[in-house]
Amino acid sequence: MGLQICNGSSEIEDAFRSVEARGATLFKNTSMFMEKYVAKSRHVEVQVFGNGLGGAVHFGERECSIQRRHQKVVEECPSPFVEGRPGECTTGAG
């Protein structure tokens, strides 16, 4: 709900204050994190399930790039983006 895209360092201070105020009003919590915005990117997720005893499995990737107002509209599994680029993506599975 508080995502703000800044196109330069001059926009960061105002955006920070805006998001902080929104968090305080809506959630009574001003915690936030910042990350670099990458305009031409893909939103790919991997679901991992762990049993709390050291065992874990993954359920493959999901393409979640189709979004409206920063919310996923469609999830597609497996991701056609990842499938179409063998060798670009690596896994740590073994």
N, C-alpha and C. Protein backbone atom coordinates (compact mmCIF):
# COMPACT_ATOMS: atom_id res chain seq x y z
N MET A 1 0.81 -1.20 0.00
CA MET A 1 0.00 0.00 0.00
C MET A 1 0.85 1.26 0.00
N GLY A 2 2.08 1.14 0.40
CA GLY A 2 2.90 2.33 0.50
C GLY A 2 3.99 2.42 -0.53
N LEU A 3 3.90 1.65 -1.59
CA LEU A 3 4.96 1.68 -2.58
C LEU A 3 5.04 3.04 -3.27
N GLN A 4 6.24 3.56 -3.35
CA GLN A 4 6.49 4.82 -4.03
C GLN A 4 7.71 4.64 -4.93
N ILE A 5 7.60 5.05 -6.17
CA ILE A 5 8.73 4.99 -7.09
C ILE A 5 9.36 6.37 -7.13
N CYS A 6 10.65 6.43 -6.88
CA CYS A 6 11.40 7.68 -6.91
C CYS A 6 12.31 7.66 -8.13
N ASN A 7 12.24 8.70 -8.94
CA ASN A 7 13.05 8.78 -10.15
C ASN A 7 14.32 9.57 -9.96
N GLY A 8 14.67 9.85 -8.73
CA GLY A 8 15.91 10.56 -8.44
C GLY A 8 16.01 10.80 -6.95
N SER A 9 17.21 11.14 -6.51
CA SER A 9 17.43 11.32 -5.08
C SER A 9 16.60 12.47 -4.50
N SER A 10 16.22 13.43 -5.34
CA SER A 10 15.43 14.56 -4.86
C SER A 10 14.02 14.15 -4.43
N GLU A 11 13.54 13.00 -4.88
CA GLU A 11 12.19 12.54 -4.56
C GLU A 11 12.13 11.65 -3.32
N ILE A 12 13.27 11.19 -2.84
CA ILE A 12 13.28 10.20 -1.76
C ILE A 12 12.74 10.75 -0.45
N GLU A 13 13.14 11.93 -0.06
CA GLU A 13 12.72 12.47 1.25
C GLU A 13 11.20 12.61 1.34
N ASP A 14 10.57 13.19 0.33
CA ASP A 14 9.12 13.35 0.34
C ASP A 14 8.41 12.00 0.33
N ALA A 15 8.89 11.07 -0.49
CA ALA A 15 8.28 9.75 -0.56
C ALA A 15 8.41 9.02 0.78
N PHE A 16 9.57 9.15 1.41
CA PHE A 16 9.80 8.51 2.71
C PHE A 16 8.78 9.03 3.72
N ARG A 17 8.62 10.34 3.79
CA ARG A 17 7.66 10.93 4.75
C ARG A 17 6.23 10.47 4.45
N SER A 18 5.88 10.40 3.18
CA SER A 18 4.54 9.99 2.78
C SER A 18 4.26 8.54 3.20
N VAL A 19 5.19 7.65 2.92
CA VAL A 19 5.02 6.24 3.27
C VAL A 19 5.01 6.06 4.79
N GLU A 20 5.88 6.78 5.47
CA GLU A 20 5.93 6.70 6.93
C GLU A 20 4.59 7.15 7.54
N ALA A 21 4.02 8.24 7.05
CA ALA A 21 2.73 8.73 7.55
C ALA A 21 1.61 7.73 7.26
N ARG A 22 1.63 7.14 6.09
CA ARG A 22 0.61 6.15 5.74
C ARG A 22 0.69 4.93 6.66
N GLY A 23 1.89 4.48 6.94
CA GLY A 23 2.07 3.35 7.86
C GLY A 23 1.57 3.67 9.26
N ALA A 24 1.86 4.86 9.73
CA ALA A 24 1.42 5.27 11.06
C ALA A 24 -0.10 5.33 11.13
N THR A 25 -0.72 5.88 10.09
CA THR A 25 -2.17 6.04 10.08
C THR A 25 -2.89 4.70 9.92
N LEU A 26 -2.47 3.91 8.95
CA LEU A 26 -3.20 2.67 8.64
C LEU A 26 -2.84 1.49 9.53
N PHE A 27 -1.58 1.41 9.96
CA PHE A 27 -1.11 0.22 10.66
C PHE A 27 -0.52 0.49 12.03
N LYS A 28 -0.44 1.76 12.42
CA LYS A 28 0.20 2.13 13.69
C LYS A 28 1.63 1.60 13.75
N ASN A 29 2.28 1.57 12.59
CA ASN A 29 3.64 1.04 12.47
C ASN A 29 4.34 1.77 11.34
N THR A 30 5.44 2.42 11.65
CA THR A 30 6.17 3.18 10.62
C THR A 30 7.35 2.42 10.04
N SER A 31 7.48 1.13 10.36
CA SER A 31 8.57 0.33 9.81
C SER A 31 8.43 0.23 8.30
N MET A 32 9.55 0.23 7.61
CA MET A 32 9.54 0.07 6.17
C MET A 32 10.90 -0.38 5.69
N PHE A 33 10.96 -0.80 4.46
CA PHE A 33 12.25 -1.06 3.85
C PHE A 33 12.25 -0.44 2.46
N MET A 34 13.45 -0.16 1.99
CA MET A 34 13.61 0.46 0.69
C MET A 34 14.38 -0.49 -0.21
N GLU A 35 14.04 -0.48 -1.48
CA GLU A 35 14.77 -1.28 -2.44
C GLU A 35 14.82 -0.55 -3.77
N LYS A 36 15.78 -0.91 -4.56
CA LYS A 36 15.94 -0.28 -5.86
C LYS A 36 14.82 -0.72 -6.79
N TYR A 37 14.25 0.22 -7.51
CA TYR A 37 13.22 -0.07 -8.50
C TYR A 37 13.88 -0.41 -9.82
N VAL A 38 13.51 -1.53 -10.39
CA VAL A 38 14.03 -1.95 -11.69
C VAL A 38 12.83 -1.98 -12.65
N ALA A 39 12.82 -1.06 -13.59
CA ALA A 39 11.66 -0.87 -14.46
C ALA A 39 11.36 -2.08 -15.34
N LYS A 40 12.37 -2.64 -15.97
CA LYS A 40 12.14 -3.79 -16.86
C LYS A 40 12.56 -5.06 -16.13
N SER A 41 11.68 -5.53 -15.28
CA SER A 41 12.01 -6.70 -14.48
C SER A 41 10.86 -7.69 -14.52
N ARG A 42 11.08 -8.84 -13.96
CA ARG A 42 10.05 -9.87 -13.84
C ARG A 42 9.84 -10.14 -12.37
N HIS A 43 8.63 -10.45 -11.98
CA HIS A 43 8.31 -10.82 -10.60
C HIS A 43 8.11 -12.33 -10.59
N VAL A 44 9.14 -13.05 -10.17
CA VAL A 44 9.10 -14.50 -10.13
C VAL A 44 9.27 -14.93 -8.68
N GLU A 45 8.38 -15.79 -8.21
CA GLU A 45 8.43 -16.27 -6.83
C GLU A 45 8.69 -17.78 -6.82
N VAL A 46 9.28 -18.22 -5.73
CA VAL A 46 9.46 -19.65 -5.48
C VAL A 46 8.90 -19.94 -4.10
N GLN A 47 8.00 -20.91 -4.01
CA GLN A 47 7.42 -21.28 -2.72
C GLN A 47 8.27 -22.39 -2.11
N VAL A 48 8.66 -22.20 -0.84
CA VAL A 48 9.49 -23.16 -0.12
C VAL A 48 8.74 -23.57 1.14
N PHE A 49 8.73 -24.86 1.41
CA PHE A 49 8.10 -25.39 2.62
C PHE A 49 9.17 -26.09 3.45
N GLY A 50 9.28 -25.71 4.72
CA GLY A 50 10.23 -26.35 5.63
C GLY A 50 9.49 -26.98 6.79
N ASN A 51 10.06 -28.07 7.33
CA ASN A 51 9.39 -28.77 8.42
C ASN A 51 9.90 -28.35 9.80
N GLY A 52 10.81 -27.39 9.87
CA GLY A 52 11.34 -26.95 11.15
C GLY A 52 12.42 -27.86 11.70
N LEU A 53 12.73 -28.92 11.00
CA LEU A 53 13.74 -29.89 11.44
C LEU A 53 14.91 -29.96 10.48
N GLY A 54 14.99 -29.00 9.59
CA GLY A 54 16.09 -28.97 8.63
C GLY A 54 15.71 -29.45 7.24
N GLY A 55 14.53 -30.03 7.10
CA GLY A 55 14.10 -30.49 5.79
C GLY A 55 13.30 -29.41 5.09
N ALA A 56 13.50 -29.25 3.80
CA ALA A 56 12.76 -28.25 3.03
C ALA A 56 12.64 -28.70 1.58
N VAL A 57 11.56 -28.30 0.96
CA VAL A 57 11.34 -28.57 -0.47
C VAL A 57 10.83 -27.30 -1.12
N HIS A 58 11.04 -27.18 -2.43
CA HIS A 58 10.48 -26.05 -3.16
C HIS A 58 9.46 -26.58 -4.15
N PHE A 59 8.53 -25.73 -4.51
CA PHE A 59 7.45 -26.13 -5.40
C PHE A 59 7.53 -25.44 -6.75
N GLY A 60 8.74 -25.10 -7.15
CA GLY A 60 8.93 -24.48 -8.46
C GLY A 60 8.62 -23.00 -8.45
N GLU A 61 8.90 -22.38 -9.59
CA GLU A 61 8.72 -20.94 -9.68
C GLU A 61 7.35 -20.60 -10.22
N ARG A 62 6.93 -19.37 -9.90
CA ARG A 62 5.67 -18.83 -10.40
C ARG A 62 5.94 -17.46 -10.99
N GLU A 63 5.40 -17.22 -12.15
CA GLU A 63 5.48 -15.91 -12.79
C GLU A 63 4.35 -15.06 -12.23
N CYS A 64 4.69 -13.93 -11.63
CA CYS A 64 3.70 -13.06 -10.98
C CYS A 64 3.81 -11.63 -11.50
N SER A 65 4.29 -11.46 -12.74
CA SER A 65 4.58 -10.14 -13.27
C SER A 65 3.34 -9.36 -13.69
N ILE A 66 2.23 -10.05 -13.94
CA ILE A 66 1.01 -9.33 -14.33
C ILE A 66 0.38 -8.78 -13.06
N GLN A 67 0.49 -7.46 -12.89
CA GLN A 67 0.04 -6.82 -11.67
C GLN A 67 -0.78 -5.57 -11.98
N ARG A 68 -1.59 -5.21 -11.02
CA ARG A 68 -2.34 -3.95 -11.08
C ARG A 68 -2.20 -3.29 -9.72
N ARG A 69 -1.73 -2.07 -9.70
CA ARG A 69 -1.50 -1.35 -8.45
C ARG A 69 -0.60 -2.14 -7.50
N HIS A 70 0.44 -2.73 -8.04
CA HIS A 70 1.45 -3.48 -7.29
C HIS A 70 0.87 -4.73 -6.61
N GLN A 71 -0.24 -5.23 -7.09
CA GLN A 71 -0.83 -6.46 -6.56
C GLN A 71 -0.91 -7.47 -7.70
N LYS A 72 -0.55 -8.72 -7.39
CA LYS A 72 -0.60 -9.76 -8.41
C LYS A 72 -2.03 -9.95 -8.91
N VAL A 73 -2.17 -10.09 -10.22
CA VAL A 73 -3.46 -10.37 -10.83
C VAL A 73 -3.48 -11.82 -11.30
N VAL A 74 -2.36 -12.27 -11.86
CA VAL A 74 -2.26 -13.63 -12.40
C VAL A 74 -0.95 -14.25 -11.92
N GLU A 75 -1.03 -15.52 -11.51
CA GLU A 75 0.18 -16.31 -11.24
C GLU A 75 0.20 -17.44 -12.26
N GLU A 76 1.34 -17.64 -12.90
CA GLU A 76 1.48 -18.69 -13.90
C GLU A 76 2.64 -19.59 -13.51
N CYS A 77 2.35 -20.88 -13.44
CA CYS A 77 3.38 -21.83 -13.01
C CYS A 77 3.42 -22.99 -13.99
N PRO A 78 4.57 -23.33 -14.49
CA PRO A 78 5.86 -22.69 -14.29
C PRO A 78 5.94 -21.38 -15.08
N SER A 79 6.90 -20.56 -14.73
CA SER A 79 7.06 -19.26 -15.37
C SER A 79 7.52 -19.45 -16.81
N PRO A 80 6.77 -18.93 -17.78
CA PRO A 80 7.23 -19.02 -19.17
C PRO A 80 8.51 -18.22 -19.40
N PHE A 81 8.72 -17.19 -18.60
CA PHE A 81 9.94 -16.39 -18.71
C PHE A 81 11.15 -17.23 -18.33
N VAL A 82 11.06 -17.97 -17.24
CA VAL A 82 12.18 -18.80 -16.79
C VAL A 82 12.37 -19.98 -17.73
N GLU A 83 11.26 -20.64 -18.11
CA GLU A 83 11.35 -21.78 -19.02
C GLU A 83 12.00 -21.42 -20.35
N GLY A 84 11.74 -20.20 -20.83
CA GLY A 84 12.25 -19.77 -22.12
C GLY A 84 13.69 -19.30 -22.12
N ARG A 85 14.35 -19.36 -20.96
CA ARG A 85 15.73 -18.88 -20.85
C ARG A 85 16.60 -19.89 -20.11
N PRO A 86 16.75 -21.09 -20.66
CA PRO A 86 17.58 -22.07 -19.97
C PRO A 86 19.02 -21.57 -19.83
N GLY A 87 19.61 -21.79 -18.70
CA GLY A 87 20.97 -21.39 -18.46
C GLY A 87 21.11 -20.03 -17.80
N GLU A 88 20.06 -19.18 -17.90
CA GLU A 88 20.11 -17.86 -17.25
C GLU A 88 19.78 -17.96 -15.76
N CYS A 89 18.99 -18.95 -15.39
CA CYS A 89 18.57 -19.12 -14.02
C CYS A 89 19.23 -20.39 -13.47
N THR A 90 19.72 -20.30 -12.26
CA THR A 90 20.33 -21.46 -11.62
C THR A 90 19.62 -21.73 -10.32
N THR A 91 19.70 -22.95 -9.85
CA THR A 91 19.13 -23.31 -8.56
C THR A 91 20.22 -23.87 -7.67
N GLY A 92 19.98 -23.77 -6.39
CA GLY A 92 20.89 -24.34 -5.42
C GLY A 92 20.47 -25.75 -5.01
N ALA A 93 19.45 -26.28 -5.68
CA ALA A 93 18.96 -27.62 -5.31
C ALA A 93 20.01 -28.67 -5.66
N GLY A 94 20.06 -29.67 -4.86
CA GLY A 94 21.04 -30.69 -5.16
C GLY A 94 20.72 -32.03 -4.61
